[in-house]
Amino acid sequence: MELTLSLVAADLDPGDLHELALDLRHSLVTEAGVEAELRAGSAPEATRGDLLSIGTLAVTFLSSGAAVALLNVFKAYFDRSSSVTVELERPDGAKLTVKAGDLRAGQLERTLSLAQDFLGARPS
């Protein structure tokens, strides 16, 4: 399954958000076992000449256990910057938004369940 993953952080400038997206891409590939590439597109005016959409990745899941691995990677990023929001979008237009509070102890199981449903990875 291929998804579009977008990072949103009001307190980061486009350059910092781009660096965070590059770092997240590396973590997704090495720690979560998913394919992730920067999404090509038109960049905001503030980043003249940049041909990449800031903070947007194309992510391809290769296993049903990807939801857990994905949330574990997100948790590490939320620990660094609680203002970051991750938005996932499926090809059919359905979206899932994950914020720092969604991965705290009291919310983690619910968020994991939502992510598994969203990814179609719920065990049978």
N, C-alpha and C. Protein backbone atom coordinates (compact mmCIF):
# COMPACT_ATOMS: atom_id res chain seq x y z
N MET A 1 0.85 -1.17 0.00
CA MET A 1 0.00 0.00 0.00
C MET A 1 0.89 1.23 0.00
N GLU A 2 0.57 2.18 -0.85
CA GLU A 2 1.33 3.44 -0.87
C GLU A 2 0.50 4.53 -0.22
N LEU A 3 1.16 5.32 0.61
CA LEU A 3 0.53 6.44 1.31
C LEU A 3 1.33 7.70 1.07
N THR A 4 0.67 8.83 1.26
CA THR A 4 1.37 10.10 1.31
C THR A 4 1.46 10.49 2.78
N LEU A 5 2.65 10.78 3.23
CA LEU A 5 2.89 11.18 4.61
C LEU A 5 3.34 12.63 4.59
N SER A 6 2.64 13.48 5.34
CA SER A 6 3.00 14.89 5.41
C SER A 6 3.30 15.27 6.84
N LEU A 7 4.38 16.01 7.03
CA LEU A 7 4.74 16.55 8.34
C LEU A 7 4.27 17.99 8.40
N VAL A 8 3.66 18.35 9.52
CA VAL A 8 3.19 19.71 9.73
C VAL A 8 3.74 20.17 11.08
N ALA A 9 4.36 21.36 11.11
CA ALA A 9 4.87 21.92 12.36
C ALA A 9 4.91 23.43 12.21
N ALA A 10 4.02 24.10 12.90
CA ALA A 10 3.91 25.56 12.79
C ALA A 10 5.17 26.27 13.27
N ASP A 11 5.93 25.65 14.17
CA ASP A 11 7.10 26.32 14.74
C ASP A 11 8.40 26.05 13.98
N LEU A 12 8.33 25.31 12.87
CA LEU A 12 9.54 25.03 12.08
C LEU A 12 9.50 25.78 10.76
N ASP A 13 10.65 26.32 10.35
CA ASP A 13 10.71 26.97 9.04
C ASP A 13 10.83 25.88 7.98
N PRO A 14 10.60 26.21 6.70
CA PRO A 14 10.63 25.20 5.65
C PRO A 14 11.92 24.39 5.59
N GLY A 15 13.06 25.03 5.82
CA GLY A 15 14.33 24.31 5.80
C GLY A 15 14.42 23.27 6.90
N ASP A 16 13.99 23.64 8.10
CA ASP A 16 14.01 22.69 9.23
C ASP A 16 13.02 21.55 9.00
N LEU A 17 11.86 21.88 8.43
CA LEU A 17 10.86 20.85 8.14
C LEU A 17 11.39 19.88 7.08
N HIS A 18 12.09 20.41 6.10
CA HIS A 18 12.69 19.57 5.06
C HIS A 18 13.72 18.62 5.68
N GLU A 19 14.57 19.14 6.56
CA GLU A 19 15.57 18.31 7.24
C GLU A 19 14.90 17.24 8.09
N LEU A 20 13.82 17.60 8.78
CA LEU A 20 13.08 16.64 9.58
C LEU A 20 12.49 15.54 8.70
N ALA A 21 11.98 15.91 7.53
CA ALA A 21 11.43 14.93 6.59
C ALA A 21 12.52 13.98 6.09
N LEU A 22 13.70 14.50 5.81
CA LEU A 22 14.82 13.65 5.37
C LEU A 22 15.21 12.66 6.47
N ASP A 23 15.26 13.15 7.70
CA ASP A 23 15.61 12.32 8.84
C ASP A 23 14.52 11.26 9.07
N LEU A 24 13.25 11.66 8.97
CA LEU A 24 12.15 10.72 9.14
C LEU A 24 12.19 9.65 8.06
N ARG A 25 12.47 10.04 6.84
CA ARG A 25 12.58 9.09 5.73
C ARG A 25 13.63 8.02 6.05
N HIS A 26 14.79 8.47 6.52
CA HIS A 26 15.86 7.54 6.87
C HIS A 26 15.40 6.59 7.98
N SER A 27 14.75 7.11 9.00
CA SER A 27 14.28 6.28 10.11
C SER A 27 13.22 5.28 9.66
N LEU A 28 12.31 5.71 8.80
CA LEU A 28 11.28 4.80 8.31
C LEU A 28 11.89 3.63 7.55
N VAL A 29 12.89 3.92 6.74
CA VAL A 29 13.54 2.88 5.95
C VAL A 29 14.34 1.94 6.84
N THR A 30 15.15 2.49 7.74
CA THR A 30 16.05 1.66 8.53
C THR A 30 15.39 1.01 9.74
N GLU A 31 14.41 1.68 10.36
CA GLU A 31 13.82 1.16 11.59
C GLU A 31 12.46 0.50 11.39
N ALA A 32 11.67 0.98 10.43
CA ALA A 32 10.32 0.45 10.25
C ALA A 32 10.20 -0.49 9.06
N GLY A 33 11.25 -0.56 8.24
CA GLY A 33 11.22 -1.47 7.10
C GLY A 33 10.22 -1.09 6.02
N VAL A 34 9.99 0.19 5.86
CA VAL A 34 9.09 0.65 4.79
C VAL A 34 9.90 1.40 3.75
N GLU A 35 9.38 1.47 2.55
CA GLU A 35 10.01 2.28 1.53
C GLU A 35 9.46 3.70 1.68
N ALA A 36 10.33 4.69 1.63
CA ALA A 36 9.91 6.08 1.76
C ALA A 36 10.79 6.95 0.90
N GLU A 37 10.17 7.78 0.10
CA GLU A 37 10.89 8.71 -0.77
C GLU A 37 10.26 10.08 -0.68
N LEU A 38 11.08 11.11 -0.82
CA LEU A 38 10.54 12.46 -0.85
C LEU A 38 9.61 12.58 -2.03
N ARG A 39 8.48 13.22 -1.83
CA ARG A 39 7.46 13.38 -2.87
C ARG A 39 7.83 14.58 -3.73
N ALA A 40 7.90 14.38 -5.03
CA ALA A 40 8.17 15.48 -5.96
C ALA A 40 6.92 16.34 -6.09
N GLY A 41 7.11 17.62 -6.31
CA GLY A 41 5.98 18.53 -6.46
C GLY A 41 6.45 19.96 -6.45
N SER A 42 5.52 20.86 -6.35
CA SER A 42 5.89 22.27 -6.32
C SER A 42 6.14 22.71 -4.89
N ALA A 43 7.22 23.42 -4.68
CA ALA A 43 7.61 23.86 -3.35
C ALA A 43 7.00 25.21 -3.02
N PRO A 44 6.85 25.51 -1.74
CA PRO A 44 6.39 26.83 -1.34
C PRO A 44 7.36 27.91 -1.83
N GLU A 45 6.87 29.11 -2.01
CA GLU A 45 7.69 30.20 -2.53
C GLU A 45 8.92 30.48 -1.68
N ALA A 46 8.82 30.23 -0.38
CA ALA A 46 9.92 30.52 0.53
C ALA A 46 11.15 29.65 0.26
N THR A 47 10.99 28.60 -0.52
CA THR A 47 12.12 27.72 -0.78
C THR A 47 12.43 27.72 -2.27
N ARG A 48 12.58 28.87 -2.84
CA ARG A 48 12.81 29.02 -4.29
C ARG A 48 13.79 27.99 -4.82
N GLY A 49 13.44 27.38 -5.94
CA GLY A 49 14.32 26.44 -6.59
C GLY A 49 14.21 25.01 -6.09
N ASP A 50 13.60 24.81 -4.93
CA ASP A 50 13.45 23.48 -4.38
C ASP A 50 12.30 22.79 -5.10
N LEU A 51 12.53 21.59 -5.65
CA LEU A 51 11.51 20.90 -6.42
C LEU A 51 10.74 19.87 -5.60
N LEU A 52 10.93 19.87 -4.29
CA LEU A 52 10.24 18.90 -3.45
C LEU A 52 9.22 19.59 -2.59
N SER A 53 8.08 18.93 -2.39
CA SER A 53 7.10 19.44 -1.45
C SER A 53 7.70 19.30 -0.06
N ILE A 54 7.74 20.37 0.67
CA ILE A 54 8.37 20.35 1.99
C ILE A 54 7.61 19.43 2.94
N GLY A 55 8.33 18.50 3.54
CA GLY A 55 7.75 17.63 4.56
C GLY A 55 6.80 16.57 4.04
N THR A 56 6.87 16.22 2.75
CA THR A 56 5.96 15.22 2.20
C THR A 56 6.75 14.04 1.64
N LEU A 57 6.33 12.84 2.05
CA LEU A 57 6.99 11.61 1.62
C LEU A 57 5.97 10.66 0.99
N ALA A 58 6.41 9.87 0.05
CA ALA A 58 5.64 8.74 -0.47
C ALA A 58 6.13 7.52 0.30
N VAL A 59 5.22 6.84 0.97
CA VAL A 59 5.58 5.71 1.83
C VAL A 59 4.88 4.46 1.33
N THR A 60 5.63 3.37 1.17
CA THR A 60 5.06 2.10 0.73
C THR A 60 5.28 1.07 1.83
N PHE A 61 4.19 0.46 2.29
CA PHE A 61 4.26 -0.55 3.34
C PHE A 61 4.40 -1.92 2.72
N LEU A 62 5.34 -2.68 3.24
CA LEU A 62 5.59 -4.01 2.71
C LEU A 62 5.10 -5.12 3.63
N SER A 63 4.71 -4.79 4.86
CA SER A 63 4.26 -5.82 5.79
C SER A 63 3.08 -5.33 6.61
N SER A 64 2.32 -6.27 7.15
CA SER A 64 1.17 -5.90 7.96
C SER A 64 1.58 -5.38 9.34
N GLY A 65 2.80 -5.64 9.76
CA GLY A 65 3.29 -5.14 11.04
C GLY A 65 3.78 -3.70 10.95
N ALA A 66 3.59 -3.09 9.81
CA ALA A 66 4.09 -1.74 9.58
C ALA A 66 3.46 -0.71 10.50
N ALA A 67 2.21 -0.89 10.89
CA ALA A 67 1.54 0.10 11.73
C ALA A 67 2.27 0.30 13.05
N VAL A 68 2.64 -0.78 13.70
CA VAL A 68 3.36 -0.69 14.97
C VAL A 68 4.72 -0.04 14.76
N ALA A 69 5.45 -0.49 13.75
CA ALA A 69 6.78 0.08 13.47
C ALA A 69 6.68 1.55 13.13
N LEU A 70 5.68 1.92 12.36
CA LEU A 70 5.49 3.31 11.97
C LEU A 70 5.23 4.19 13.20
N LEU A 71 4.35 3.75 14.08
CA LEU A 71 4.04 4.53 15.28
C LEU A 71 5.24 4.64 16.21
N ASN A 72 6.06 3.60 16.27
CA ASN A 72 7.28 3.67 17.09
C ASN A 72 8.24 4.72 16.55
N VAL A 73 8.36 4.81 15.23
CA VAL A 73 9.21 5.85 14.63
C VAL A 73 8.61 7.23 14.91
N PHE A 74 7.29 7.38 14.74
CA PHE A 74 6.65 8.67 15.02
C PHE A 74 6.89 9.10 16.46
N LYS A 75 6.79 8.15 17.40
CA LYS A 75 6.96 8.48 18.81
C LYS A 75 8.32 9.12 19.06
N ALA A 76 9.36 8.61 18.42
CA ALA A 76 10.69 9.19 18.58
C ALA A 76 10.72 10.64 18.08
N TYR A 77 10.01 10.93 17.00
CA TYR A 77 9.98 12.29 16.46
C TYR A 77 9.14 13.22 17.33
N PHE A 78 8.06 12.71 17.90
CA PHE A 78 7.23 13.52 18.78
C PHE A 78 7.97 13.83 20.08
N ASP A 79 8.84 12.92 20.52
CA ASP A 79 9.64 13.18 21.71
C ASP A 79 10.60 14.34 21.46
N ARG A 80 11.06 14.50 20.22
CA ARG A 80 11.97 15.60 19.86
C ARG A 80 11.23 16.91 19.67
N SER A 81 10.03 16.85 19.11
CA SER A 81 9.27 18.06 18.84
C SER A 81 7.79 17.75 18.94
N SER A 82 7.18 18.10 20.06
CA SER A 82 5.78 17.77 20.28
C SER A 82 4.83 18.59 19.41
N SER A 83 5.34 19.57 18.68
CA SER A 83 4.48 20.37 17.81
C SER A 83 4.28 19.74 16.43
N VAL A 84 5.01 18.67 16.15
CA VAL A 84 4.91 18.01 14.84
C VAL A 84 3.63 17.18 14.78
N THR A 85 2.95 17.28 13.65
CA THR A 85 1.78 16.46 13.36
C THR A 85 2.09 15.68 12.09
N VAL A 86 1.72 14.41 12.07
CA VAL A 86 1.92 13.57 10.89
C VAL A 86 0.55 13.29 10.29
N GLU A 87 0.43 13.55 9.00
CA GLU A 87 -0.82 13.28 8.29
C GLU A 87 -0.55 12.20 7.25
N LEU A 88 -1.33 11.12 7.30
CA LEU A 88 -1.23 10.03 6.33
C LEU A 88 -2.45 10.08 5.43
N GLU A 89 -2.24 9.88 4.14
CA GLU A 89 -3.36 9.86 3.20
C GLU A 89 -3.22 8.66 2.27
N ARG A 90 -4.31 7.87 2.19
CA ARG A 90 -4.35 6.73 1.28
C ARG A 90 -4.71 7.21 -0.12
N PRO A 91 -4.48 6.38 -1.13
CA PRO A 91 -4.84 6.75 -2.50
C PRO A 91 -6.32 7.05 -2.68
N ASP A 92 -7.20 6.47 -1.82
CA ASP A 92 -8.63 6.73 -1.93
C ASP A 92 -9.04 8.05 -1.27
N GLY A 93 -8.06 8.79 -0.73
CA GLY A 93 -8.33 10.09 -0.11
C GLY A 93 -8.58 10.04 1.39
N ALA A 94 -8.71 8.86 1.98
CA ALA A 94 -8.90 8.74 3.42
C ALA A 94 -7.64 9.23 4.13
N LYS A 95 -7.84 9.91 5.27
CA LYS A 95 -6.70 10.49 6.00
C LYS A 95 -6.70 10.05 7.46
N LEU A 96 -5.50 9.99 8.01
CA LEU A 96 -5.29 9.73 9.43
C LEU A 96 -4.26 10.73 9.91
N THR A 97 -4.60 11.47 10.97
CA THR A 97 -3.69 12.45 11.55
C THR A 97 -3.23 11.93 12.90
N VAL A 98 -1.92 11.96 13.13
CA VAL A 98 -1.34 11.50 14.39
C VAL A 98 -0.57 12.66 15.00
N LYS A 99 -0.90 12.97 16.28
CA LYS A 99 -0.22 14.04 17.02
C LYS A 99 0.51 13.43 18.21
N ALA A 100 1.36 14.20 18.83
CA ALA A 100 2.17 13.72 19.95
C ALA A 100 1.31 13.08 21.04
N GLY A 101 0.21 13.70 21.40
CA GLY A 101 -0.66 13.18 22.46
C GLY A 101 -1.28 11.84 22.14
N ASP A 102 -1.36 11.51 20.85
CA ASP A 102 -1.96 10.24 20.43
C ASP A 102 -1.07 9.05 20.76
N LEU A 103 0.20 9.30 21.09
CA LEU A 103 1.11 8.21 21.37
C LEU A 103 1.52 8.14 22.83
N ARG A 104 0.81 8.86 23.68
CA ARG A 104 1.06 8.77 25.12
C ARG A 104 0.40 7.50 25.65
N ALA A 105 0.81 7.07 26.80
CA ALA A 105 0.37 5.79 27.37
C ALA A 105 -1.14 5.57 27.29
N GLY A 106 -1.94 6.53 27.67
CA GLY A 106 -3.39 6.35 27.69
C GLY A 106 -4.04 6.29 26.32
N GLN A 107 -3.36 6.77 25.30
CA GLN A 107 -3.93 6.84 23.95
C GLN A 107 -3.31 5.85 22.98
N LEU A 108 -2.20 5.26 23.34
CA LEU A 108 -1.43 4.45 22.40
C LEU A 108 -2.22 3.30 21.79
N GLU A 109 -2.94 2.54 22.62
CA GLU A 109 -3.70 1.40 22.08
C GLU A 109 -4.77 1.85 21.10
N ARG A 110 -5.47 2.94 21.42
CA ARG A 110 -6.50 3.45 20.52
C ARG A 110 -5.89 3.92 19.21
N THR A 111 -4.77 4.63 19.29
CA THR A 111 -4.10 5.11 18.08
C THR A 111 -3.60 3.95 17.24
N LEU A 112 -3.04 2.93 17.88
CA LEU A 112 -2.58 1.75 17.15
C LEU A 112 -3.74 1.07 16.44
N SER A 113 -4.87 0.94 17.13
CA SER A 113 -6.05 0.33 16.52
C SER A 113 -6.53 1.13 15.31
N LEU A 114 -6.57 2.45 15.45
CA LEU A 114 -6.97 3.31 14.32
C LEU A 114 -5.99 3.18 13.16
N ALA A 115 -4.69 3.14 13.47
CA ALA A 115 -3.68 3.02 12.42
C ALA A 115 -3.80 1.67 11.71
N GLN A 116 -4.03 0.60 12.46
CA GLN A 116 -4.18 -0.71 11.84
C GLN A 116 -5.40 -0.76 10.94
N ASP A 117 -6.51 -0.18 11.39
CA ASP A 117 -7.71 -0.11 10.55
C ASP A 117 -7.43 0.71 9.29
N PHE A 118 -6.78 1.85 9.47
CA PHE A 118 -6.48 2.74 8.36
C PHE A 118 -5.61 2.05 7.32
N LEU A 119 -4.62 1.28 7.80
CA LEU A 119 -3.69 0.60 6.91
C LEU A 119 -4.21 -0.75 6.41
N GLY A 120 -5.37 -1.15 6.92
CA GLY A 120 -5.90 -2.44 6.52
C GLY A 120 -5.07 -3.57 7.06
N ALA A 121 -4.43 -3.34 8.21
CA ALA A 121 -3.49 -4.30 8.78
C ALA A 121 -4.05 -4.99 10.01
N ARG A 122 -5.35 -4.91 10.21
CA ARG A 122 -5.96 -5.53 11.38
C ARG A 122 -5.86 -7.05 11.23
N PRO A 123 -5.32 -7.76 12.25
CA PRO A 123 -5.22 -9.21 12.15
C PRO A 123 -6.59 -9.85 12.01
N SER A 124 -6.68 -10.95 11.24
CA SER A 124 -7.98 -11.63 11.03
C SER A 124 -8.25 -12.63 12.12
